[in-house]
Full PDB file with SEQRES, HELIX, SHEET, SSBOND, CRYST1, ORIGX, SCALE, CONECT and MASTER records, all heavy atoms in Angstrom:
SEQRES   1 A   38  ASP ARG TRP SER VAL ILE GLY ASP SER ILE THR HIS HIS          
SEQRES   2 A   38  GLY SER TYR TYR ALA TRP VAL TYR LEU TYR GLU LEU THR          
SEQRES   3 A   38  ARG PHE PRO GLN GLN GLU LEU VAL VAL GLU ASN CYS              
HELIX    1 AA1 SER A    9  HIS A   12  1                                   4    
HELIX    2 AA2 TYR A   16  ARG A   27  1                                  12    
SHEET    1 AA1 2 ARG A   2  VAL A   5  0                                        
SHEET    2 AA1 2 VAL A  34  ASN A  37  1                                        
CRYST1    1.000    1.000    1.000  90.00  90.00  90.00 P 1           1          
ORIGX1      1.000000  0.000000  0.000000        0.00000                         
ORIGX2      0.000000  1.000000  0.000000        0.00000                         
ORIGX3      0.000000  0.000000  1.000000        0.00000                         
SCALE1      1.000000  0.000000  0.000000        0.00000                         
SCALE2      0.000000  1.000000  0.000000        0.00000                         
SCALE3      0.000000  0.000000  1.000000        0.00000                         
ATOM      1  N   ASP A   1     -36.256  -5.138 -97.181  1.00  0.00           N  
ATOM      2  CA  ASP A   1     -37.503  -4.618 -97.442  1.00  0.00           C  
ATOM      3  C   ASP A   1     -37.960  -3.519 -96.493  1.00  0.00           C  
ATOM      4  O   ASP A   1     -37.587  -3.417 -95.367  1.00  0.00           O  
ATOM      5  CB  ASP A   1     -38.629  -5.789 -97.399  1.00  0.00           C  
ATOM      6  CG  ASP A   1     -38.878  -6.370 -98.823  1.00  0.00           C  
ATOM      7  OD1 ASP A   1     -38.598  -5.761 -99.842  1.00  0.00           O  
ATOM      8  OD2 ASP A   1     -39.400  -7.464 -98.890  1.00  0.00           O  
ATOM      9  N   ARG A   2     -38.849  -2.618 -96.928  1.00  0.00           N  
ATOM     10  CA  ARG A   2     -39.454  -1.613 -96.119  1.00  0.00           C  
ATOM     11  C   ARG A   2     -40.937  -1.850 -96.208  1.00  0.00           C  
ATOM     12  O   ARG A   2     -41.546  -1.715 -97.242  1.00  0.00           O  
ATOM     13  CB  ARG A   2     -39.125  -0.181 -96.596  1.00  0.00           C  
ATOM     14  CG  ARG A   2     -37.554   0.119 -96.553  1.00  0.00           C  
ATOM     15  CD  ARG A   2     -37.354   1.444 -97.061  1.00  0.00           C  
ATOM     16  NE  ARG A   2     -37.909   2.379 -96.186  1.00  0.00           N  
ATOM     17  CZ  ARG A   2     -37.283   2.903 -94.996  1.00  0.00           C  
ATOM     18  NH1 ARG A   2     -36.198   2.531 -94.553  1.00  0.00           N  
ATOM     19  NH2 ARG A   2     -38.089   3.914 -94.182  1.00  0.00           N  
ATOM     20  N   TRP A   3     -41.575  -2.213 -95.119  1.00  0.00           N  
ATOM     21  CA  TRP A   3     -43.073  -2.641 -95.030  1.00  0.00           C  
ATOM     22  C   TRP A   3     -43.831  -1.523 -94.509  1.00  0.00           C  
ATOM     23  O   TRP A   3     -43.660  -1.126 -93.281  1.00  0.00           O  
ATOM     24  CB  TRP A   3     -43.252  -3.913 -94.377  1.00  0.00           C  
ATOM     25  CG  TRP A   3     -44.585  -4.324 -94.116  1.00  0.00           C  
ATOM     26  CD1 TRP A   3     -45.704  -4.061 -94.829  1.00  0.00           C  
ATOM     27  CD2 TRP A   3     -45.136  -5.134 -92.987  1.00  0.00           C  
ATOM     28  NE1 TRP A   3     -46.789  -4.569 -94.345  1.00  0.00           N  
ATOM     29  CE2 TRP A   3     -46.475  -5.401 -93.213  1.00  0.00           C  
ATOM     30  CE3 TRP A   3     -44.477  -5.826 -91.926  1.00  0.00           C  
ATOM     31  CZ2 TRP A   3     -47.326  -5.987 -92.242  1.00  0.00           C  
ATOM     32  CZ3 TRP A   3     -45.251  -6.644 -91.018  1.00  0.00           C  
ATOM     33  CH2 TRP A   3     -46.654  -6.741 -91.297  1.00  0.00           C  
ATOM     34  N   SER A   4     -44.661  -0.975 -95.437  1.00  0.00           N  
ATOM     35  CA  SER A   4     -45.584   0.202 -94.934  1.00  0.00           C  
ATOM     36  C   SER A   4     -46.982  -0.447 -94.701  1.00  0.00           C  
ATOM     37  O   SER A   4     -47.532  -1.004 -95.660  1.00  0.00           O  
ATOM     38  CB  SER A   4     -45.671   1.237 -96.003  1.00  0.00           C  
ATOM     39  OG  SER A   4     -44.364   1.954 -96.103  1.00  0.00           O  
ATOM     40  N   VAL A   5     -47.452  -0.368 -93.496  1.00  0.00           N  
ATOM     41  CA  VAL A   5     -48.764  -0.916 -93.101  1.00  0.00           C  
ATOM     42  C   VAL A   5     -49.874   0.106 -93.165  1.00  0.00           C  
ATOM     43  O   VAL A   5     -49.959   0.981 -92.282  1.00  0.00           O  
ATOM     44  CB  VAL A   5     -48.543  -1.626 -91.703  1.00  0.00           C  
ATOM     45  CG1 VAL A   5     -49.794  -2.501 -91.436  1.00  0.00           C  
ATOM     46  CG2 VAL A   5     -47.334  -2.330 -91.648  1.00  0.00           C  
ATOM     47  N   ILE A   6     -50.614   0.070 -94.189  1.00  0.00           N  
ATOM     48  CA  ILE A   6     -51.616   1.205 -94.501  1.00  0.00           C  
ATOM     49  C   ILE A   6     -52.989   0.818 -93.853  1.00  0.00           C  
ATOM     50  O   ILE A   6     -53.477  -0.404 -94.170  1.00  0.00           O  
ATOM     51  CB  ILE A   6     -51.692   1.408 -95.941  1.00  0.00           C  
ATOM     52  CG1 ILE A   6     -50.329   1.896 -96.473  1.00  0.00           C  
ATOM     53  CG2 ILE A   6     -52.749   2.513 -96.251  1.00  0.00           C  
ATOM     54  CD1 ILE A   6     -50.242   1.963 -97.997  1.00  0.00           C  
ATOM     55  N   GLY A   7     -53.648   1.685 -93.298  1.00  0.00           N  
ATOM     56  CA  GLY A   7     -54.895   1.395 -92.642  1.00  0.00           C  
ATOM     57  C   GLY A   7     -55.663   2.508 -91.847  1.00  0.00           C  
ATOM     58  O   GLY A   7     -55.098   3.598 -91.935  1.00  0.00           O  
ATOM     59  N   ASP A   8     -56.563   2.070 -91.084  1.00  0.00           N  
ATOM     60  CA  ASP A   8     -57.243   2.950 -90.266  1.00  0.00           C  
ATOM     61  C   ASP A   8     -56.881   2.896 -88.822  1.00  0.00           C  
ATOM     62  O   ASP A   8     -55.793   2.377 -88.507  1.00  0.00           O  
ATOM     63  CB  ASP A   8     -58.828   2.859 -90.459  1.00  0.00           C  
ATOM     64  CG  ASP A   8     -59.296   1.460 -90.471  1.00  0.00           C  
ATOM     65  OD1 ASP A   8     -58.692   0.668 -89.725  1.00  0.00           O  
ATOM     66  OD2 ASP A   8     -60.186   1.061 -91.259  1.00  0.00           O  
ATOM     67  N   SER A   9     -57.814   2.989 -87.801  1.00  0.00           N  
ATOM     68  CA  SER A   9     -57.550   2.807 -86.455  1.00  0.00           C  
ATOM     69  C   SER A   9     -57.168   1.466 -86.028  1.00  0.00           C  
ATOM     70  O   SER A   9     -56.408   1.069 -85.125  1.00  0.00           O  
ATOM     71  CB  SER A   9     -58.725   3.221 -85.579  1.00  0.00           C  
ATOM     72  OG  SER A   9     -59.758   2.536 -85.928  1.00  0.00           O  
ATOM     73  N   ILE A  10     -57.678   0.385 -86.877  1.00  0.00           N  
ATOM     74  CA  ILE A  10     -57.313  -0.994 -86.532  1.00  0.00           C  
ATOM     75  C   ILE A  10     -55.835  -1.237 -86.828  1.00  0.00           C  
ATOM     76  O   ILE A  10     -55.262  -2.113 -86.278  1.00  0.00           O  
ATOM     77  CB  ILE A  10     -58.211  -1.907 -87.440  1.00  0.00           C  
ATOM     78  CG1 ILE A  10     -59.735  -1.629 -86.997  1.00  0.00           C  
ATOM     79  CG2 ILE A  10     -57.809  -3.343 -87.098  1.00  0.00           C  
ATOM     80  CD1 ILE A  10     -60.700  -2.328 -87.907  1.00  0.00           C  
ATOM     81  N   THR A  11     -55.213  -0.444 -87.640  1.00  0.00           N  
ATOM     82  CA  THR A  11     -53.890  -0.502 -87.905  1.00  0.00           C  
ATOM     83  C   THR A  11     -53.053   0.493 -86.934  1.00  0.00           C  
ATOM     84  O   THR A  11     -52.135   0.180 -86.369  1.00  0.00           O  
ATOM     85  CB  THR A  11     -53.527  -0.164 -89.380  1.00  0.00           C  
ATOM     86  OG1 THR A  11     -54.019  -1.245 -90.265  1.00  0.00           O  
ATOM     87  CG2 THR A  11     -52.092  -0.096 -89.592  1.00  0.00           C  
ATOM     88  N   HIS A  12     -53.614   1.778 -86.938  1.00  0.00           N  
ATOM     89  CA  HIS A  12     -52.905   2.731 -86.115  1.00  0.00           C  
ATOM     90  C   HIS A  12     -52.772   2.339 -84.650  1.00  0.00           C  
ATOM     91  O   HIS A  12     -51.746   2.375 -84.111  1.00  0.00           O  
ATOM     92  CB  HIS A  12     -53.903   3.975 -86.125  1.00  0.00           C  
ATOM     93  CG  HIS A  12     -53.425   5.212 -85.276  1.00  0.00           C  
ATOM     94  ND1 HIS A  12     -53.839   6.416 -85.437  1.00  0.00           N  
ATOM     95  CD2 HIS A  12     -52.477   5.306 -84.304  1.00  0.00           C  
ATOM     96  CE1 HIS A  12     -53.226   7.315 -84.530  1.00  0.00           C  
ATOM     97  NE2 HIS A  12     -52.456   6.654 -83.888  1.00  0.00           N  
ATOM     98  N   HIS A  13     -53.815   1.845 -84.102  1.00  0.00           N  
ATOM     99  CA  HIS A  13     -53.776   1.388 -82.612  1.00  0.00           C  
ATOM    100  C   HIS A  13     -53.695  -0.173 -82.563  1.00  0.00           C  
ATOM    101  O   HIS A  13     -53.784  -0.654 -81.441  1.00  0.00           O  
ATOM    102  CB  HIS A  13     -54.941   1.859 -81.869  1.00  0.00           C  
ATOM    103  CG  HIS A  13     -55.037   3.376 -81.679  1.00  0.00           C  
ATOM    104  ND1 HIS A  13     -54.310   4.079 -80.738  1.00  0.00           N  
ATOM    105  CD2 HIS A  13     -55.622   4.352 -82.413  1.00  0.00           C  
ATOM    106  CE1 HIS A  13     -54.522   5.340 -80.750  1.00  0.00           C  
ATOM    107  NE2 HIS A  13     -55.263   5.523 -81.911  1.00  0.00           N  
ATOM    108  N   GLY A  14     -53.524  -0.777 -83.560  1.00  0.00           N  
ATOM    109  CA  GLY A  14     -53.541  -2.282 -83.523  1.00  0.00           C  
ATOM    110  C   GLY A  14     -52.128  -2.877 -83.360  1.00  0.00           C  
ATOM    111  O   GLY A  14     -51.084  -2.213 -83.264  1.00  0.00           O  
ATOM    112  N   SER A  15     -52.148  -4.306 -83.366  1.00  0.00           N  
ATOM    113  CA  SER A  15     -50.929  -4.927 -83.117  1.00  0.00           C  
ATOM    114  C   SER A  15     -50.692  -6.218 -84.119  1.00  0.00           C  
ATOM    115  O   SER A  15     -49.659  -6.763 -84.017  1.00  0.00           O  
ATOM    116  CB  SER A  15     -50.892  -5.451 -81.722  1.00  0.00           C  
ATOM    117  OG  SER A  15     -52.024  -6.241 -81.402  1.00  0.00           O  
ATOM    118  N   TYR A  16     -51.682  -6.340 -85.107  1.00  0.00           N  
ATOM    119  CA  TYR A  16     -51.425  -7.510 -85.996  1.00  0.00           C  
ATOM    120  C   TYR A  16     -50.032  -7.377 -86.655  1.00  0.00           C  
ATOM    121  O   TYR A  16     -49.384  -8.495 -86.874  1.00  0.00           O  
ATOM    122  CB  TYR A  16     -52.599  -7.571 -86.935  1.00  0.00           C  
ATOM    123  CG  TYR A  16     -52.725  -6.526 -88.038  1.00  0.00           C  
ATOM    124  CD1 TYR A  16     -52.036  -6.668 -89.288  1.00  0.00           C  
ATOM    125  CD2 TYR A  16     -53.355  -5.282 -87.719  1.00  0.00           C  
ATOM    126  CE1 TYR A  16     -52.137  -5.672 -90.161  1.00  0.00           C  
ATOM    127  CE2 TYR A  16     -53.456  -4.377 -88.655  1.00  0.00           C  
ATOM    128  CZ  TYR A  16     -52.835  -4.520 -89.940  1.00  0.00           C  
ATOM    129  OH  TYR A  16     -52.886  -3.566 -90.784  1.00  0.00           O  
ATOM    130  N   TYR A  17     -49.717  -6.212 -87.246  1.00  0.00           N  
ATOM    131  CA  TYR A  17     -48.509  -6.110 -87.965  1.00  0.00           C  
ATOM    132  C   TYR A  17     -47.329  -6.248 -87.089  1.00  0.00           C  
ATOM    133  O   TYR A  17     -46.258  -6.772 -87.371  1.00  0.00           O  
ATOM    134  CB  TYR A  17     -48.525  -4.639 -88.559  1.00  0.00           C  
ATOM    135  CG  TYR A  17     -48.330  -3.593 -87.544  1.00  0.00           C  
ATOM    136  CD1 TYR A  17     -47.065  -2.998 -87.362  1.00  0.00           C  
ATOM    137  CD2 TYR A  17     -49.409  -2.972 -86.834  1.00  0.00           C  
ATOM    138  CE1 TYR A  17     -46.861  -1.915 -86.512  1.00  0.00           C  
ATOM    139  CE2 TYR A  17     -49.210  -1.934 -85.970  1.00  0.00           C  
ATOM    140  CZ  TYR A  17     -47.984  -1.429 -85.803  1.00  0.00           C  
ATOM    141  OH  TYR A  17     -47.783  -0.487 -84.812  1.00  0.00           O  
ATOM    142  N   ALA A  18     -47.404  -5.783 -85.796  1.00  0.00           N  
ATOM    143  CA  ALA A  18     -46.368  -5.973 -84.695  1.00  0.00           C  
ATOM    144  C   ALA A  18     -45.995  -7.500 -84.521  1.00  0.00           C  
ATOM    145  O   ALA A  18     -44.906  -7.864 -84.376  1.00  0.00           O  
ATOM    146  CB  ALA A  18     -46.518  -5.222 -83.473  1.00  0.00           C  
ATOM    147  N   TRP A  19     -47.143  -8.226 -84.378  1.00  0.00           N  
ATOM    148  CA  TRP A  19     -46.874  -9.687 -84.088  1.00  0.00           C  
ATOM    149  C   TRP A  19     -46.272 -10.320 -85.293  1.00  0.00           C  
ATOM    150  O   TRP A  19     -45.494 -11.418 -85.162  1.00  0.00           O  
ATOM    151  CB  TRP A  19     -48.255 -10.351 -83.805  1.00  0.00           C  
ATOM    152  CG  TRP A  19     -49.010  -9.801 -82.584  1.00  0.00           C  
ATOM    153  CD1 TRP A  19     -50.347  -9.732 -82.420  1.00  0.00           C  
ATOM    154  CD2 TRP A  19     -48.376  -9.126 -81.336  1.00  0.00           C  
ATOM    155  NE1 TRP A  19     -50.649  -9.160 -81.226  1.00  0.00           N  
ATOM    156  CE2 TRP A  19     -49.509  -8.745 -80.622  1.00  0.00           C  
ATOM    157  CE3 TRP A  19     -47.134  -8.922 -80.891  1.00  0.00           C  
ATOM    158  CZ2 TRP A  19     -49.316  -8.117 -79.351  1.00  0.00           C  
ATOM    159  CZ3 TRP A  19     -46.950  -8.258 -79.695  1.00  0.00           C  
ATOM    160  CH2 TRP A  19     -48.015  -7.952 -79.011  1.00  0.00           C  
ATOM    161  N   VAL A  20     -46.618  -9.963 -86.502  1.00  0.00           N  
ATOM    162  CA  VAL A  20     -46.096 -10.355 -87.708  1.00  0.00           C  
ATOM    163  C   VAL A  20     -44.572 -10.065 -87.680  1.00  0.00           C  
ATOM    164  O   VAL A  20     -43.612 -10.812 -87.985  1.00  0.00           O  
ATOM    165  CB  VAL A  20     -46.682  -9.969 -89.071  1.00  0.00           C  
ATOM    166  CG1 VAL A  20     -45.896 -10.286 -90.246  1.00  0.00           C  
ATOM    167  CG2 VAL A  20     -48.094 -10.579 -89.079  1.00  0.00           C  
ATOM    168  N   TYR A  21     -44.287  -8.855 -87.425  1.00  0.00           N  
ATOM    169  CA  TYR A  21     -42.884  -8.237 -87.339  1.00  0.00           C  
ATOM    170  C   TYR A  21     -42.051  -9.107 -86.398  1.00  0.00           C  
ATOM    171  O   TYR A  21     -40.904  -9.364 -86.621  1.00  0.00           O  
ATOM    172  CB  TYR A  21     -42.924  -6.833 -86.996  1.00  0.00           C  
ATOM    173  CG  TYR A  21     -41.571  -6.043 -87.114  1.00  0.00           C  
ATOM    174  CD1 TYR A  21     -40.524  -6.433 -87.799  1.00  0.00           C  
ATOM    175  CD2 TYR A  21     -41.388  -4.834 -86.293  1.00  0.00           C  
ATOM    176  CE1 TYR A  21     -39.345  -5.790 -87.899  1.00  0.00           C  
ATOM    177  CE2 TYR A  21     -40.290  -4.180 -86.470  1.00  0.00           C  
ATOM    178  CZ  TYR A  21     -39.236  -4.624 -87.240  1.00  0.00           C  
ATOM    179  OH  TYR A  21     -38.017  -3.925 -87.266  1.00  0.00           O  
ATOM    180  N   LEU A  22     -42.652  -9.460 -85.255  1.00  0.00           N  
ATOM    181  CA  LEU A  22     -42.010 -10.182 -84.187  1.00  0.00           C  
ATOM    182  C   LEU A  22     -41.591 -11.538 -84.721  1.00  0.00           C  
ATOM    183  O   LEU A  22     -40.545 -12.115 -84.459  1.00  0.00           O  
ATOM    184  CB  LEU A  22     -42.931 -10.341 -83.021  1.00  0.00           C  
ATOM    185  CG  LEU A  22     -42.255 -11.058 -81.694  1.00  0.00           C  
ATOM    186  CD1 LEU A  22     -41.053 -10.319 -81.154  1.00  0.00           C  
ATOM    187  CD2 LEU A  22     -43.397 -11.136 -80.620  1.00  0.00           C  
ATOM    188  N   TYR A  23     -42.466 -12.176 -85.491  1.00  0.00           N  
ATOM    189  CA  TYR A  23     -42.186 -13.416 -86.150  1.00  0.00           C  
ATOM    190  C   TYR A  23     -40.995 -13.278 -87.059  1.00  0.00           C  
ATOM    191  O   TYR A  23     -39.998 -14.116 -87.103  1.00  0.00           O  
ATOM    192  CB  TYR A  23     -43.351 -13.931 -86.877  1.00  0.00           C  
ATOM    193  CG  TYR A  23     -43.116 -15.342 -87.634  1.00  0.00           C  
ATOM    194  CD1 TYR A  23     -43.410 -16.480 -87.033  1.00  0.00           C  
ATOM    195  CD2 TYR A  23     -42.625 -15.228 -88.888  1.00  0.00           C  
ATOM    196  CE1 TYR A  23     -43.076 -17.674 -87.646  1.00  0.00           C  
ATOM    197  CE2 TYR A  23     -42.463 -16.375 -89.630  1.00  0.00           C  
ATOM    198  CZ  TYR A  23     -42.574 -17.669 -88.922  1.00  0.00           C  
ATOM    199  OH  TYR A  23     -42.302 -18.833 -89.655  1.00  0.00           O  
ATOM    200  N   GLU A  24     -41.050 -12.233 -87.979  1.00  0.00           N  
ATOM    201  CA  GLU A  24     -39.997 -12.077 -88.916  1.00  0.00           C  
ATOM    202  C   GLU A  24     -38.642 -11.912 -88.218  1.00  0.00           C  
ATOM    203  O   GLU A  24     -37.645 -12.407 -88.627  1.00  0.00           O  
ATOM    204  CB  GLU A  24     -40.246 -10.946 -89.823  1.00  0.00           C  
ATOM    205  CG  GLU A  24     -41.565 -11.020 -90.657  1.00  0.00           C  
ATOM    206  CD  GLU A  24     -41.389 -12.162 -91.673  1.00  0.00           C  
ATOM    207  OE1 GLU A  24     -40.360 -12.401 -92.106  1.00  0.00           O  
ATOM    208  OE2 GLU A  24     -42.427 -12.799 -91.941  1.00  0.00           O  
ATOM    209  N   LEU A  25     -38.679 -11.131 -87.058  1.00  0.00           N  
ATOM    210  CA  LEU A  25     -37.368 -10.871 -86.405  1.00  0.00           C  
ATOM    211  C   LEU A  25     -36.903 -12.159 -85.753  1.00  0.00           C  
ATOM    212  O   LEU A  25     -35.662 -12.346 -85.835  1.00  0.00           O  
ATOM    213  CB  LEU A  25     -37.652  -9.794 -85.301  1.00  0.00           C  
ATOM    214  CG  LEU A  25     -37.626  -8.371 -85.726  1.00  0.00           C  
ATOM    215  CD1 LEU A  25     -38.284  -7.577 -84.560  1.00  0.00           C  
ATOM    216  CD2 LEU A  25     -36.327  -7.885 -86.019  1.00  0.00           C  
ATOM    217  N   THR A  26     -37.758 -12.848 -85.032  1.00  0.00           N  
ATOM    218  CA  THR A  26     -37.177 -14.141 -84.301  1.00  0.00           C  
ATOM    219  C   THR A  26     -36.973 -15.265 -85.293  1.00  0.00           C  
ATOM    220  O   THR A  26     -36.119 -16.050 -84.951  1.00  0.00           O  
ATOM    221  CB  THR A  26     -38.220 -14.524 -83.207  1.00  0.00           C  
ATOM    222  OG1 THR A  26     -39.456 -14.605 -83.865  1.00  0.00           O  
ATOM    223  CG2 THR A  26     -38.202 -13.444 -82.220  1.00  0.00           C  
ATOM    224  N   ARG A  27     -37.573 -15.344 -86.383  1.00  0.00           N  
ATOM    225  CA  ARG A  27     -37.517 -16.504 -87.314  1.00  0.00           C  
ATOM    226  C   ARG A  27     -36.479 -16.286 -88.306  1.00  0.00           C  
ATOM    227  O   ARG A  27     -35.763 -17.370 -88.795  1.00  0.00           O  
ATOM    228  CB  ARG A  27     -38.859 -16.897 -87.969  1.00  0.00           C  
ATOM    229  CG  ARG A  27     -38.890 -18.321 -88.686  1.00  0.00           C  
ATOM    230  CD  ARG A  27     -38.600 -19.443 -87.636  1.00  0.00           C  
ATOM    231  NE  ARG A  27     -39.417 -19.330 -86.412  1.00  0.00           N  
ATOM    232  CZ  ARG A  27     -40.661 -19.786 -86.381  1.00  0.00           C  
ATOM    233  NH1 ARG A  27     -41.151 -20.532 -87.404  1.00  0.00           N  
ATOM    234  NH2 ARG A  27     -41.376 -19.622 -85.243  1.00  0.00           N  
ATOM    235  N   PHE A  28     -36.345 -15.141 -88.843  1.00  0.00           N  
ATOM    236  CA  PHE A  28     -35.444 -14.846 -89.828  1.00  0.00           C  
ATOM    237  C   PHE A  28     -34.442 -13.675 -89.370  1.00  0.00           C  
ATOM    238  O   PHE A  28     -34.412 -12.502 -89.850  1.00  0.00           O  
ATOM    239  CB  PHE A  28     -36.055 -14.425 -91.138  1.00  0.00           C  
ATOM    240  CG  PHE A  28     -36.943 -15.555 -91.592  1.00  0.00           C  
ATOM    241  CD1 PHE A  28     -38.332 -15.343 -91.624  1.00  0.00           C  
ATOM    242  CD2 PHE A  28     -36.518 -16.668 -92.106  1.00  0.00           C  
ATOM    243  CE1 PHE A  28     -39.243 -16.260 -91.989  1.00  0.00           C  
ATOM    244  CE2 PHE A  28     -37.404 -17.694 -92.516  1.00  0.00           C  
ATOM    245  CZ  PHE A  28     -38.746 -17.500 -92.439  1.00  0.00           C  
ATOM    246  N   PRO A  29     -33.700 -13.892 -88.330  1.00  0.00           N  
ATOM    247  CA  PRO A  29     -32.919 -12.759 -87.725  1.00  0.00           C  
ATOM    248  C   PRO A  29     -31.782 -12.280 -88.589  1.00  0.00           C  
ATOM    249  O   PRO A  29     -31.303 -11.060 -88.420  1.00  0.00           O  
ATOM    250  CB  PRO A  29     -32.275 -13.437 -86.418  1.00  0.00           C  
ATOM    251  CG  PRO A  29     -32.354 -14.923 -86.741  1.00  0.00           C  
ATOM    252  CD  PRO A  29     -33.501 -15.180 -87.555  1.00  0.00           C  
ATOM    253  N   GLN A  30     -31.442 -12.941 -89.616  1.00  0.00           N  
ATOM    254  CA  GLN A  30     -30.472 -12.531 -90.618  1.00  0.00           C  
ATOM    255  C   GLN A  30     -30.914 -11.393 -91.570  1.00  0.00           C  
ATOM    256  O   GLN A  30     -30.110 -10.648 -92.012  1.00  0.00           O  
ATOM    257  CB  GLN A  30     -29.639 -13.542 -91.369  1.00  0.00           C  
ATOM    258  CG  GLN A  30     -28.852 -14.514 -90.458  1.00  0.00           C  
ATOM    259  CD  GLN A  30     -29.751 -15.530 -89.626  1.00  0.00           C  
ATOM    260  OE1 GLN A  30     -30.735 -15.851 -90.150  1.00  0.00           O  
ATOM    261  NE2 GLN A  30     -29.245 -15.925 -88.404  1.00  0.00           N  
ATOM    262  N   GLN A  31     -32.303 -11.480 -91.738  1.00  0.00           N  
ATOM    263  CA  GLN A  31     -32.817 -10.505 -92.664  1.00  0.00           C  
ATOM    264  C   GLN A  31     -33.030  -9.187 -91.988  1.00  0.00           C  
ATOM    265  O   GLN A  31     -33.443  -9.101 -90.777  1.00  0.00           O  
ATOM    266  CB  GLN A  31     -34.177 -11.077 -93.232  1.00  0.00           C  
ATOM    267  CG  GLN A  31     -34.023 -12.240 -94.165  1.00  0.00           C  
ATOM    268  CD  GLN A  31     -35.286 -12.613 -94.840  1.00  0.00           C  
ATOM    269  OE1 GLN A  31     -36.335 -11.971 -94.469  1.00  0.00           O  
ATOM    270  NE2 GLN A  31     -35.311 -13.710 -95.592  1.00  0.00           N  
ATOM    271  N   GLU A  32     -33.001  -8.185 -92.743  1.00  0.00           N  
ATOM    272  CA  GLU A  32     -33.325  -6.822 -92.173  1.00  0.00           C  
ATOM    273  C   GLU A  32     -34.558  -6.385 -92.895  1.00  0.00           C  
ATOM    274  O   GLU A  32     -34.783  -6.361 -94.109  1.00  0.00           O  
ATOM    275  CB  GLU A  32     -32.205  -5.794 -92.419  1.00  0.00           C  
ATOM    276  CG  GLU A  32     -30.849  -6.229 -91.748  1.00  0.00           C  
ATOM    277  CD  GLU A  32     -29.836  -5.105 -91.771  1.00  0.00           C  
ATOM    278  OE1 GLU A  32     -30.221  -3.977 -92.128  1.00  0.00           O  
ATOM    279  OE2 GLU A  32     -28.704  -5.382 -91.525  1.00  0.00           O  
ATOM    280  N   LEU A  33     -35.581  -6.063 -91.914  1.00  0.00           N  
ATOM    281  CA  LEU A  33     -36.775  -5.618 -92.409  1.00  0.00           C  
ATOM    282  C   LEU A  33     -37.246  -4.325 -91.502  1.00  0.00           C  
ATOM    283  O   LEU A  33     -37.115  -4.327 -90.293  1.00  0.00           O  
ATOM    284  CB  LEU A  33     -37.964  -6.670 -92.062  1.00  0.00           C  
ATOM    285  CG  LEU A  33     -39.339  -6.206 -92.322  1.00  0.00           C  
ATOM    286  CD1 LEU A  33     -39.591  -5.937 -93.863  1.00  0.00           C  
ATOM    287  CD2 LEU A  33     -40.280  -7.371 -91.887  1.00  0.00           C  
ATOM    288  N   VAL A  34     -37.531  -3.260 -92.289  1.00  0.00           N  
ATOM    289  CA  VAL A  34     -38.045  -1.947 -91.680  1.00  0.00           C  
ATOM    290  C   VAL A  34     -39.440  -1.973 -91.851  1.00  0.00           C  
ATOM    291  O   VAL A  34     -40.068  -2.131 -92.828  1.00  0.00           O  
ATOM    292  CB  VAL A  34     -37.258  -0.701 -92.344  1.00  0.00           C  
ATOM    293  CG1 VAL A  34     -37.899   0.408 -91.666  1.00  0.00           C  
ATOM    294  CG2 VAL A  34     -35.841  -0.837 -91.992  1.00  0.00           C  
ATOM    295  N   VAL A  35     -40.244  -1.498 -90.704  1.00  0.00           N  
ATOM    296  CA  VAL A  35     -41.665  -1.626 -90.684  1.00  0.00           C  
ATOM    297  C   VAL A  35     -42.116  -0.136 -90.373  1.00  0.00           C  
ATOM    298  O   VAL A  35     -41.666   0.499 -89.260  1.00  0.00           O  
ATOM    299  CB  VAL A  35     -42.276  -2.562 -89.704  1.00  0.00           C  
ATOM    300  CG1 VAL A  35     -43.835  -2.519 -89.586  1.00  0.00           C  
ATOM    301  CG2 VAL A  35     -41.780  -3.943 -89.944  1.00  0.00           C  
ATOM    302  N   GLU A  36     -43.124   0.394 -91.100  1.00  0.00           N  
ATOM    303  CA  GLU A  36     -43.680   1.726 -90.820  1.00  0.00           C  
ATOM    304  C   GLU A  36     -45.183   1.577 -90.648  1.00  0.00           C  
ATOM    305  O   GLU A  36     -45.880   1.123 -91.655  1.00  0.00           O  
ATOM    306  CB  GLU A  36     -43.380   2.547 -92.000  1.00  0.00           C  
ATOM    307  CG  GLU A  36     -41.936   2.879 -92.179  1.00  0.00           C  
ATOM    308  CD  GLU A  36     -41.303   3.893 -91.279  1.00  0.00           C  
ATOM    309  OE1 GLU A  36     -42.107   4.383 -90.345  1.00  0.00           O  
ATOM    310  OE2 GLU A  36     -40.094   4.114 -91.377  1.00  0.00           O  
ATOM    311  N   ASN A  37     -45.783   1.845 -89.584  1.00  0.00           N  
ATOM    312  CA  ASN A  37     -47.142   2.088 -89.406  1.00  0.00           C  
ATOM    313  C   ASN A  37     -47.651   3.216 -90.076  1.00  0.00           C  
ATOM    314  O   ASN A  37     -47.173   4.294 -89.938  1.00  0.00           O  
ATOM    315  CB  ASN A  37     -47.345   2.161 -87.851  1.00  0.00           C  
ATOM    316  CG  ASN A  37     -48.957   2.119 -87.523  1.00  0.00           C  
ATOM    317  OD1 ASN A  37     -49.772   2.732 -88.351  1.00  0.00           O  
ATOM    318  ND2 ASN A  37     -49.255   1.642 -86.455  1.00  0.00           N  
ATOM    319  N   CYS A  38     -48.568   2.982 -91.136  1.00  0.00           N  
ATOM    320  CA  CYS A  38     -49.234   4.078 -91.924  1.00  0.00           C  
ATOM    321  C   CYS A  38     -50.696   4.159 -91.677  1.00  0.00           C  
ATOM    322  O   CYS A  38     -51.451   4.493 -92.553  1.00  0.00           O  
ATOM    323  CB  CYS A  38     -48.876   4.041 -93.269  1.00  0.00           C  
ATOM    324  SG  CYS A  38     -47.112   4.296 -93.669  1.00  0.00           S  
TER     325      CYS A  38                                                      
MASTER        0    0    0    2    2    0    0    6  324    1    0    3          
END                                                                             
């Protein structure tokens, strides 16, 4: 999957999506996920 995180400054300068991404990386390391801050 390619996850595009669309939003305003709360996304631009935020970290909620990064903490979710960290969970996905550490909990499902065999899966490949690309994340794009939009």
